[in-house]
Amino acid sequence: MNKYGFTRSAVSSNGWADFFGQYREFDEKRNGQKLRGINDYSLLTAVLKANDEVRLHTRFIFSLIDPAGKHYQGPLFLVCFLKTIGLDPDWLDLRAVRVYKEYDPLGQGQIDLYLTDGSRHIIIENKLNANDQADQVRRYVEMIGSSSGAAPDDILFLYLTKGRESPTSKALAGYEIKKQNKDTCLVDTFRSGKTAARYLNAHYDPHILAWIDACLDEAGNLSNLRHALVEYRQVVERVTRVYKSKVMNFDNFIEGATPEEAISRYAHAVEISRQLPRLHAKWLSGAMGDGIESLVRPYVETGRLHTLGECEPFRSLQFEPQHATAYFNGERGGKDKGVFWQVNAGPHAGTLALAILYGAKLLHVGLVPIKKMPNTQITMDVDKSSEVLRMLQEAARNSPAVDANVSAFQFKQYGGINKIVPGLVSSAMPINDEMLELKNFQESRIAILVPFLLQVAGLTNVVSE
């Protein structure tokens, strides 16, 4: 018995045949579902990112809680919203309420959603992934207080997030969240010591999901509204990570079996996950070693390329096989490693280096502008990076090789890796997505891009110098 609760005998040679046979059958059923039209398509996430808090979430919520919205249901969905966040709908005069999005009356910052009936006011700060801004809570409360003349008890600040318990102290800027009788309030402990506004905290799960369900109950047979609400519910489920695919997934394969089958399937899945880092490290080492060596050898042997592995600042970045093992095991020292060669002939001799390296997530293939310092040390020539970028982009536009693999020829400067190799202009891809291609090296992007880069560097027509 091991730490996973099953014996090693759960993984056997016969077991592997059963495992892959069962998975093949499962995969056929899943493909059958797709052919029958079962899908996870979302119109909203097809045109906007699921976490787009301004253009998707703020504006969708606004479109429904606005009594003057084109749903023509008056305050119906607003009432559902207020009840869901724990506020009595009668707190506002629903006959007079107005709703604004991205509201900024004094030029002091846009309030995501602002509701008012002329006497009472609700400020909604909608945060999915964005950080709180400095003084944000204080600024918004003071802005509404000064522009409306409302008393603190008539201002409510609602903090809507995926799961945060409160705004940061930076955003509160001297306010503290305190219980006063039955209400939660923002108290100005920094200046007056008095209550500044009422306060509520709400989350997408459960509050927004519950609000959507309440709206669906009220929508009745209004089919277009129901479709919109179901679509939006799916988006919220995705951003809160409670979404369950309509198409069978790996969870179903493991959990949908008999207890005995589940133990065997789980054991085999664990064994695969245990072996994958070793296999990936082997493939990456092969690509960064023999694979790339096969591409550059003719140029090295004729003096057209010269390795920079022993030269600073490249020596500390030079890839070794143990780096691949460390990378896939999540150990320190495994990332930001690569192989580098100075272009030693042609029009760019001594001013360009070929670079193949990987950072935290991306594998990069590109060119680095370099120059020699008076002490003969080589350094990156960051000032020439824009020139290199233009050169690569122009060559890509005119290369017939691009037609077969357009995405491979998208060159730019990536911020993260440029902190490691300043000036690098590269094409990049998620390293985990490239693993099978690295195994079959001649089909990899490295094998596609290196000949192109050497041609751009002017080496393919140069025999030797």
Protein backbone atom coordinates (compact mmCIF):
# COMPACT_ATOMS: atom_id res chain seq x y z
CA MET A 1 0.00 0.00 0.00
CA ASN A 2 1.41 3.43 -0.92
CA LYS A 3 0.49 7.02 -0.02
CA TYR A 4 -2.28 7.06 -2.61
CA GLY A 5 -4.11 4.19 -0.93
CA PHE A 6 -3.51 1.44 -3.51
CA THR A 7 -0.96 -1.29 -4.00
CA ARG A 8 1.63 -1.39 -6.76
CA SER A 9 -0.18 -4.46 -8.10
CA ALA A 10 -2.92 -2.06 -9.24
CA VAL A 11 -0.48 -1.10 -12.02
CA SER A 12 0.47 -4.12 -14.11
CA SER A 13 1.22 -4.97 -17.73
CA ASN A 14 -2.30 -6.35 -18.19
CA GLY A 15 -3.64 -3.34 -16.31
CA TRP A 16 -2.10 -0.99 -18.85
CA ALA A 17 -3.89 -2.78 -21.69
CA ASP A 18 -7.17 -2.51 -19.77
CA PHE A 19 -6.54 1.14 -18.90
CA PHE A 20 -5.88 2.26 -22.46
CA GLY A 21 -8.70 0.09 -23.79
CA GLN A 22 -11.14 1.65 -21.34
CA TYR A 23 -9.88 5.13 -22.13
CA ARG A 24 -10.25 4.50 -25.87
CA GLU A 25 -13.87 3.48 -25.28
CA PHE A 26 -14.41 6.56 -23.09
CA ASP A 27 -12.91 8.81 -25.77
CA GLU A 28 -15.22 7.33 -28.41
CA LYS A 29 -18.23 8.11 -26.20
CA ARG A 30 -16.99 11.65 -25.65
CA ASN A 31 -16.52 12.19 -29.39
CA GLY A 32 -20.00 10.82 -29.91
CA GLN A 33 -21.36 13.47 -27.54
CA LYS A 34 -19.66 16.20 -29.57
CA LEU A 35 -21.08 14.82 -32.82
CA ARG A 36 -24.57 14.93 -31.28
CA GLY A 37 -24.14 18.64 -30.60
CA ILE A 38 -23.22 18.60 -26.90
CA ASN A 39 -20.69 21.38 -26.45
CA ASP A 40 -19.17 24.03 -24.16
CA TYR A 41 -19.49 26.91 -26.63
CA SER A 42 -19.99 30.35 -25.15
CA LEU A 43 -20.77 33.36 -27.34
CA LEU A 44 -19.63 35.76 -24.62
CA THR A 45 -16.20 34.18 -24.14
CA ALA A 46 -15.82 33.84 -27.91
CA VAL A 47 -15.65 37.63 -28.21
CA LEU A 48 -14.41 38.69 -24.75
CA LYS A 49 -12.13 37.20 -22.13
CA ALA A 50 -14.02 35.49 -19.32
CA ASN A 51 -12.33 37.74 -16.72
CA ASP A 52 -13.00 41.01 -18.56
CA GLU A 53 -14.54 42.85 -15.63
CA VAL A 54 -15.34 46.09 -17.49
CA ARG A 55 -16.59 45.12 -20.93
CA LEU A 56 -18.22 41.84 -19.92
CA HIS A 57 -19.17 41.64 -16.24
CA THR A 58 -19.78 45.27 -15.30
CA ARG A 59 -21.71 45.97 -18.47
CA PHE A 60 -23.77 42.78 -18.31
CA ILE A 61 -24.77 43.39 -14.70
CA PHE A 62 -25.58 47.01 -15.61
CA SER A 63 -27.78 45.93 -18.52
CA LEU A 64 -30.01 43.91 -16.19
CA ILE A 65 -30.14 45.95 -12.98
CA ASP A 66 -30.92 49.16 -14.88
CA PRO A 67 -34.70 49.64 -14.62
CA ALA A 68 -34.51 51.61 -17.87
CA GLY A 69 -32.72 48.76 -19.64
CA LYS A 70 -33.98 47.25 -22.87
CA HIS A 71 -35.21 44.15 -21.09
CA TYR A 72 -38.31 46.33 -20.36
CA GLN A 73 -38.85 44.62 -17.02
CA GLY A 74 -38.38 47.75 -14.92
CA PRO A 75 -36.70 47.13 -11.55
CA LEU A 76 -37.43 43.38 -11.58
CA PHE A 77 -33.81 42.23 -11.92
CA LEU A 78 -32.56 45.03 -9.66
CA VAL A 79 -34.86 43.77 -6.89
CA CYS A 80 -33.39 40.29 -7.34
CA PHE A 81 -29.88 41.77 -7.11
CA LEU A 82 -30.57 43.75 -3.95
CA LYS A 83 -32.15 40.76 -2.23
CA THR A 84 -29.21 38.55 -3.20
CA ILE A 85 -26.62 40.87 -1.64
CA GLY A 86 -28.72 41.11 1.55
CA LEU A 87 -30.20 44.58 1.09
CA ASP A 88 -33.92 45.35 1.48
CA PRO A 89 -35.09 46.58 -1.97
CA ASP A 90 -37.17 49.23 -0.19
CA TRP A 91 -33.91 50.89 0.88
CA LEU A 92 -34.09 52.56 -2.54
CA ASP A 93 -37.10 54.28 -4.11
CA LEU A 94 -37.41 51.88 -7.03
CA ARG A 95 -39.63 54.31 -8.92
CA ALA A 96 -36.86 56.92 -8.99
CA VAL A 97 -33.68 54.83 -9.12
CA ARG A 98 -31.13 55.47 -11.87
CA VAL A 99 -28.16 53.23 -12.69
CA TYR A 100 -24.87 54.38 -14.23
CA LYS A 101 -21.81 52.47 -15.39
CA GLU A 102 -18.24 53.81 -15.24
CA TYR A 103 -19.54 56.88 -13.40
CA ASP A 104 -17.12 59.77 -12.86
CA PRO A 105 -18.84 63.06 -11.94
CA LEU A 106 -15.74 64.85 -10.60
CA GLY A 107 -12.94 63.35 -12.69
CA GLN A 108 -11.56 61.41 -9.72
CA GLY A 109 -11.92 57.88 -11.06
CA GLN A 110 -14.64 55.78 -12.63
CA ILE A 111 -17.08 54.01 -10.32
CA ASP A 112 -17.89 50.68 -11.96
CA LEU A 113 -21.61 50.83 -11.13
CA TYR A 114 -23.49 53.60 -9.39
CA LEU A 115 -27.14 53.49 -8.32
CA THR A 116 -29.11 56.39 -6.88
CA ASP A 117 -32.72 57.37 -6.28
CA GLY A 118 -31.68 60.96 -5.58
CA SER A 119 -31.50 60.45 -1.83
CA ARG A 120 -29.62 57.19 -1.37
CA HIS A 121 -26.61 55.91 -3.23
CA ILE A 122 -24.94 52.56 -3.94
CA ILE A 123 -21.32 52.42 -5.13
CA ILE A 124 -20.36 49.06 -6.65
CA GLU A 125 -16.66 48.32 -7.06
CA ASN A 126 -16.36 45.27 -9.31
CA LYS A 127 -13.05 43.39 -8.95
CA LEU A 128 -12.21 40.11 -10.65
CA ASN A 129 -8.44 40.06 -11.12
CA ALA A 130 -7.49 43.74 -10.98
CA ASN A 131 -5.70 45.09 -7.93
CA ASP A 132 -7.24 47.76 -5.72
CA GLN A 133 -6.14 51.29 -6.54
CA ALA A 134 -4.67 53.65 -3.99
CA ASP A 135 -7.34 55.55 -1.99
CA GLN A 136 -10.03 54.00 -4.21
CA VAL A 137 -12.66 53.32 -1.56
CA ARG A 138 -12.14 56.67 0.19
CA ARG A 139 -12.11 58.60 -3.10
CA TYR A 140 -15.38 57.09 -4.33
CA VAL A 141 -17.21 57.54 -1.02
CA GLU A 142 -16.02 61.14 -0.66
CA MET A 143 -16.83 61.84 -4.30
CA ILE A 144 -20.44 60.72 -3.91
CA GLY A 145 -20.75 62.40 -0.53
CA SER A 146 -19.52 65.76 -1.78
CA SER A 147 -21.40 65.68 -5.10
CA SER A 148 -24.73 64.58 -3.58
CA GLY A 149 -24.57 65.96 -0.04
CA ALA A 150 -25.83 62.59 1.22
CA ALA A 151 -25.45 61.51 4.83
CA PRO A 152 -23.18 58.51 5.53
CA ASP A 153 -26.17 56.26 6.31
CA ASP A 154 -27.48 56.96 2.80
CA ILE A 155 -24.32 55.80 1.01
CA LEU A 156 -23.57 52.09 0.55
CA PHE A 157 -20.23 50.78 -0.75
CA LEU A 158 -20.50 47.26 -2.25
CA TYR A 159 -17.24 45.39 -2.84
CA LEU A 160 -17.93 42.67 -5.46
CA THR A 161 -15.13 40.15 -6.08
CA LYS A 162 -14.38 36.50 -6.82
CA GLY A 163 -13.57 35.86 -3.18
CA ARG A 164 -11.78 38.74 -1.45
CA GLU A 165 -12.95 39.46 2.07
CA SER A 166 -12.35 43.21 1.94
CA PRO A 167 -10.51 45.98 0.06
CA THR A 168 -6.84 46.41 0.83
CA SER A 169 -5.67 48.96 3.39
CA LYS A 170 -4.17 50.89 0.46
CA ALA A 171 -7.63 51.24 -1.10
CA LEU A 172 -9.34 51.98 2.23
CA ALA A 173 -6.81 54.76 2.94
CA GLY A 174 -7.66 55.26 6.61
CA TYR A 175 -11.13 53.73 6.53
CA GLU A 176 -11.83 50.65 8.64
CA ILE A 177 -14.65 48.17 8.18
CA LYS A 178 -16.54 47.92 11.47
CA LYS A 179 -19.81 46.49 12.77
CA GLN A 180 -22.20 49.12 14.10
CA ASN A 181 -25.40 47.68 15.54
CA LYS A 182 -26.77 45.47 12.73
CA ASP A 183 -24.88 47.22 9.92
CA THR A 184 -21.33 47.00 8.63
CA CYS A 185 -19.83 50.43 8.01
CA LEU A 186 -16.77 52.22 6.71
CA VAL A 187 -15.40 54.27 9.60
CA ASP A 188 -12.90 57.08 9.01
CA THR A 189 -10.44 56.24 11.78
CA PHE A 190 -7.69 58.32 10.15
CA ARG A 191 -9.45 61.69 10.20
CA SER A 192 -12.84 62.23 11.81
CA GLY A 193 -13.43 58.89 13.55
CA LYS A 194 -16.97 58.99 12.18
CA THR A 195 -18.90 56.64 9.91
CA ALA A 196 -18.35 57.45 6.24
CA ALA A 197 -20.72 54.97 4.58
CA ARG A 198 -22.41 51.61 4.92
CA TYR A 199 -20.52 48.61 3.57
CA LEU A 200 -21.35 45.22 2.03
CA ASN A 201 -19.12 42.48 0.65
CA ALA A 202 -20.35 40.15 -2.13
CA HIS A 203 -18.79 37.40 -4.24
CA TYR A 204 -19.49 36.05 -7.70
CA ASP A 205 -19.91 32.68 -6.02
CA PRO A 206 -22.38 32.53 -4.36
CA HIS A 207 -24.02 35.96 -4.77
CA ILE A 208 -23.89 36.60 -8.53
CA LEU A 209 -24.68 32.96 -9.31
CA ALA A 210 -27.67 33.16 -6.95
CA TRP A 211 -28.76 36.44 -8.56
CA ILE A 212 -28.65 34.87 -12.03
CA ASP A 213 -30.79 31.97 -10.79
CA ALA A 214 -33.30 34.42 -9.28
CA CYS A 215 -33.41 36.31 -12.59
CA LEU A 216 -33.99 33.05 -14.47
CA ASP A 217 -36.95 32.31 -12.19
CA GLU A 218 -38.39 35.74 -12.96
CA ALA A 219 -37.65 35.67 -16.70
CA GLY A 220 -40.37 33.09 -17.29
CA ASN A 221 -40.83 32.41 -20.99
CA LEU A 222 -38.77 35.39 -22.19
CA SER A 223 -36.50 33.15 -24.22
CA ASN A 224 -33.90 35.74 -25.26
CA LEU A 225 -33.41 36.87 -21.66
CA ARG A 226 -33.15 33.28 -20.49
CA HIS A 227 -30.50 32.54 -23.14
CA ALA A 228 -28.51 35.62 -22.08
CA LEU A 229 -28.70 34.66 -18.41
CA VAL A 230 -27.70 31.04 -19.06
CA GLU A 231 -24.77 32.28 -21.17
CA TYR A 232 -23.64 34.64 -18.43
CA ARG A 233 -24.04 31.98 -15.74
CA GLN A 234 -21.65 29.78 -17.69
CA VAL A 235 -19.09 32.61 -17.80
CA VAL A 236 -19.38 33.20 -14.03
CA GLU A 237 -18.99 29.48 -13.42
CA ARG A 238 -15.80 29.55 -15.45
CA VAL A 239 -14.24 32.51 -13.62
CA THR A 240 -15.19 31.03 -10.23
CA ARG A 241 -14.01 27.58 -11.33
CA VAL A 242 -17.26 25.78 -10.61
CA TYR A 243 -18.06 25.15 -14.27
CA LYS A 244 -18.61 21.52 -15.22
CA SER A 245 -18.20 20.64 -18.84
CA LYS A 246 -21.27 19.27 -20.61
CA VAL A 247 -18.97 16.91 -22.47
CA MET A 248 -17.51 13.99 -20.52
CA ASN A 249 -14.04 14.73 -19.16
CA PHE A 250 -11.24 12.94 -17.34
CA ASP A 251 -13.04 13.27 -14.02
CA ASN A 252 -15.88 11.21 -15.44
CA PHE A 253 -13.43 8.59 -16.64
CA ILE A 254 -11.95 8.14 -13.17
CA GLU A 255 -15.04 8.71 -11.02
CA GLY A 256 -17.64 7.13 -13.29
CA ALA A 257 -16.26 3.62 -12.93
CA THR A 258 -16.93 0.87 -10.41
CA PRO A 259 -14.89 1.17 -7.17
CA GLU A 260 -12.46 -1.49 -8.38
CA GLU A 261 -12.06 0.12 -11.81
CA ALA A 262 -11.64 3.56 -10.25
CA ILE A 263 -8.75 2.33 -8.08
CA SER A 264 -7.02 0.80 -11.11
CA ARG A 265 -7.62 3.81 -13.35
CA TYR A 266 -6.43 6.21 -10.67
CA ALA A 267 -3.30 4.13 -10.04
CA HIS A 268 -2.42 4.16 -13.73
CA ALA A 269 -3.11 7.90 -13.99
CA VAL A 270 -0.80 8.56 -11.02
CA GLU A 271 1.92 6.43 -12.59
CA ILE A 272 1.64 8.40 -15.85
CA SER A 273 1.81 11.73 -14.00
CA ARG A 274 4.87 10.47 -12.08
CA GLN A 275 6.69 9.48 -15.27
CA LEU A 276 5.81 12.53 -17.37
CA PRO A 277 8.39 14.94 -15.87
CA ARG A 278 11.17 12.43 -16.59
CA LEU A 279 9.90 11.89 -20.14
CA HIS A 280 9.54 15.62 -20.79
CA ALA A 281 13.03 16.28 -19.44
CA LYS A 282 14.41 13.61 -21.77
CA TRP A 283 12.70 15.18 -24.80
CA LEU A 284 13.76 18.72 -23.90
CA SER A 285 17.37 17.61 -23.32
CA GLY A 286 17.39 15.82 -26.67
CA ALA A 287 16.06 18.88 -28.47
CA MET A 288 18.40 21.34 -26.76
CA GLY A 289 21.34 19.00 -27.32
CA ASP A 290 21.53 16.67 -30.33
CA GLY A 291 18.50 18.21 -32.07
CA ILE A 292 19.81 21.78 -32.23
CA GLU A 293 23.37 20.52 -32.74
CA SER A 294 22.26 18.83 -35.98
CA LEU A 295 20.93 22.16 -37.27
CA VAL A 296 23.95 24.33 -36.46
CA ARG A 297 26.80 21.85 -36.99
CA PRO A 298 27.51 22.80 -40.65
CA TYR A 299 27.71 26.46 -39.64
CA VAL A 300 29.91 25.80 -36.63
CA GLU A 301 32.29 23.56 -38.59
CA THR A 302 32.75 26.26 -41.25
CA GLY A 303 33.22 29.03 -38.68
CA ARG A 304 30.00 30.83 -39.52
CA LEU A 305 28.65 30.31 -35.99
CA HIS A 306 30.60 30.39 -32.76
CA THR A 307 29.23 29.10 -29.45
CA LEU A 308 28.78 31.66 -26.68
CA GLY A 309 28.37 29.10 -23.92
CA GLU A 310 31.69 30.03 -22.33
CA CYS A 311 31.21 33.78 -22.66
CA GLU A 312 29.56 36.07 -20.17
CA PRO A 313 26.76 37.00 -19.89
CA PHE A 314 25.66 33.77 -21.60
CA ARG A 315 27.66 31.30 -19.47
CA SER A 316 25.18 31.39 -16.56
CA LEU A 317 22.29 30.84 -18.98
CA GLN A 318 23.86 27.89 -20.80
CA PHE A 319 21.61 24.81 -20.84
CA GLU A 320 22.77 21.51 -19.35
CA PRO A 321 20.71 18.27 -19.20
CA GLN A 322 20.17 18.57 -15.43
CA HIS A 323 18.36 21.86 -16.02
CA ALA A 324 15.57 20.02 -17.87
CA THR A 325 15.09 17.65 -14.94
CA ALA A 326 15.00 20.55 -12.51
CA TYR A 327 12.53 22.47 -14.71
CA PHE A 328 9.96 19.68 -14.96
CA ASN A 329 10.33 18.77 -11.30
CA GLY A 330 9.64 22.36 -10.30
CA GLU A 331 13.07 22.76 -8.74
CA ARG A 332 15.16 25.93 -8.52
CA GLY A 333 17.65 26.64 -11.26
CA GLY A 334 15.73 24.87 -13.99
CA LYS A 335 14.31 27.83 -15.93
CA ASP A 336 15.88 30.64 -17.99
CA LYS A 337 18.30 28.31 -19.75
CA GLY A 338 19.28 28.04 -23.39
CA VAL A 339 21.95 27.72 -26.09
CA PHE A 340 23.53 30.68 -27.91
CA TRP A 341 25.74 31.15 -30.96
CA GLN A 342 27.38 34.29 -32.31
CA VAL A 343 26.91 34.96 -36.02
CA ASN A 344 30.52 35.00 -37.21
CA ALA A 345 30.19 35.69 -40.93
CA GLY A 346 28.18 37.67 -43.44
CA PRO A 347 26.67 41.16 -43.07
CA HIS A 348 25.79 40.67 -39.39
CA ALA A 349 29.05 39.13 -38.23
CA GLY A 350 29.68 39.96 -34.59
CA THR A 351 26.39 41.83 -34.18
CA LEU A 352 23.82 39.03 -33.87
CA ALA A 353 23.46 35.86 -31.82
CA LEU A 354 21.14 32.93 -32.41
CA ALA A 355 19.26 32.09 -29.20
CA ILE A 356 17.09 29.11 -28.26
CA LEU A 357 16.01 29.23 -24.62
CA TYR A 358 13.05 28.80 -22.29
CA GLY A 359 11.76 30.84 -19.37
CA ALA A 360 9.05 29.99 -16.84
CA LYS A 361 6.50 28.84 -19.42
CA LEU A 362 7.58 29.76 -22.94
CA LEU A 363 10.15 28.32 -25.33
CA HIS A 364 11.84 31.10 -27.34
CA VAL A 365 13.63 30.92 -30.69
CA GLY A 366 15.11 34.17 -31.95
CA LEU A 367 17.97 36.59 -32.47
CA VAL A 368 19.78 38.82 -29.98
CA PRO A 369 21.67 41.96 -31.06
CA ILE A 370 25.14 41.90 -29.49
CA LYS A 371 28.32 43.99 -29.47
CA LYS A 372 31.86 43.68 -28.16
CA MET A 373 32.97 45.98 -25.39
CA PRO A 374 36.50 47.50 -25.27
CA ASN A 375 37.55 44.74 -22.88
CA THR A 376 36.43 42.20 -25.53
CA GLN A 377 33.48 41.12 -23.39
CA ILE A 378 30.25 40.57 -25.34
CA THR A 379 27.07 42.32 -24.25
CA MET A 380 23.51 42.59 -25.55
CA ASP A 381 22.99 45.63 -27.78
CA VAL A 382 19.47 46.56 -26.66
CA ASP A 383 19.43 49.71 -28.80
CA LYS A 384 19.45 47.55 -31.96
CA SER A 385 16.51 45.32 -30.93
CA SER A 386 13.91 47.37 -32.83
CA GLU A 387 16.05 47.07 -35.96
CA VAL A 388 16.24 43.29 -35.51
CA LEU A 389 12.47 43.15 -34.98
CA ARG A 390 11.81 45.02 -38.25
CA MET A 391 14.25 42.78 -40.09
CA LEU A 392 12.56 39.59 -38.84
CA GLN A 393 9.04 40.83 -39.47
CA GLU A 394 9.90 41.89 -43.01
CA ALA A 395 11.62 38.58 -43.76
CA ALA A 396 8.62 36.67 -42.35
CA ARG A 397 6.23 38.56 -44.63
CA ASN A 398 8.29 37.55 -47.67
CA SER A 399 9.05 33.95 -46.71
CA PRO A 400 7.09 31.11 -48.38
CA ALA A 401 7.72 29.01 -45.25
CA VAL A 402 5.31 31.23 -43.31
CA ASP A 403 2.27 29.99 -45.25
CA ALA A 404 2.58 26.53 -43.71
CA ASN A 405 2.98 27.73 -40.11
CA VAL A 406 1.93 31.35 -39.65
CA SER A 407 1.93 31.31 -35.83
CA ALA A 408 5.57 30.17 -35.70
CA PHE A 409 6.72 33.35 -37.46
CA GLN A 410 5.19 35.88 -35.04
CA PHE A 411 8.22 37.71 -33.69
CA LYS A 412 8.26 40.24 -30.87
CA GLN A 413 10.06 41.21 -27.68
CA TYR A 414 8.62 39.35 -24.69
CA GLY A 415 8.87 41.33 -21.46
CA GLY A 416 9.69 38.46 -19.10
CA ILE A 417 12.49 36.86 -21.07
CA ASN A 418 13.93 40.27 -22.01
CA LYS A 419 14.76 40.74 -18.34
CA ILE A 420 17.01 37.70 -18.72
CA VAL A 421 18.28 38.32 -22.26
CA PRO A 422 17.82 42.04 -22.98
CA GLY A 423 17.09 42.80 -26.63
CA LEU A 424 15.97 39.27 -27.56
CA VAL A 425 13.47 39.22 -30.45
CA SER A 426 11.81 35.83 -30.61
CA SER A 427 8.97 33.61 -31.60
CA ALA A 428 7.59 31.88 -28.51
CA MET A 429 5.32 28.98 -27.68
CA PRO A 430 4.18 27.31 -24.43
CA ILE A 431 6.82 24.71 -23.75
CA ASN A 432 4.26 22.13 -22.58
CA ASP A 433 2.39 22.46 -25.88
CA GLU A 434 5.56 21.76 -27.82
CA MET A 435 6.63 18.55 -26.06
CA LEU A 436 5.59 16.01 -28.72
CA GLU A 437 7.21 18.15 -31.40
CA LEU A 438 10.42 18.24 -29.36
CA LYS A 439 10.33 14.46 -29.25
CA ASN A 440 9.96 14.40 -33.05
CA PHE A 441 12.49 17.19 -33.39
CA GLN A 442 12.32 17.71 -37.15
CA GLU A 443 8.64 18.66 -36.74
CA SER A 444 9.35 21.17 -33.98
CA ARG A 445 9.22 24.93 -34.27
CA ILE A 446 12.91 25.02 -33.44
CA ALA A 447 13.66 22.96 -36.57
CA ILE A 448 11.38 25.24 -38.62
CA LEU A 449 12.71 28.55 -37.28
CA VAL A 450 16.49 28.02 -37.00
CA PRO A 451 17.10 27.75 -40.79
CA PHE A 452 14.91 30.83 -41.30
CA LEU A 453 16.84 32.81 -38.66
CA LEU A 454 20.18 31.80 -40.12
CA GLN A 455 18.98 32.93 -43.52
CA VAL A 456 17.89 36.28 -42.07
CA ALA A 457 21.30 36.58 -40.42
CA GLY A 458 22.86 36.19 -43.88
CA LEU A 459 24.61 32.86 -43.30
CA THR A 460 22.99 30.53 -45.80
CA ASN A 461 24.83 32.06 -48.77
CA VAL A 462 28.15 32.41 -46.96
CA VAL A 463 30.51 29.41 -47.20
CA SER A 464 33.09 30.52 -44.63
CA GLU A 465 35.14 33.48 -43.56
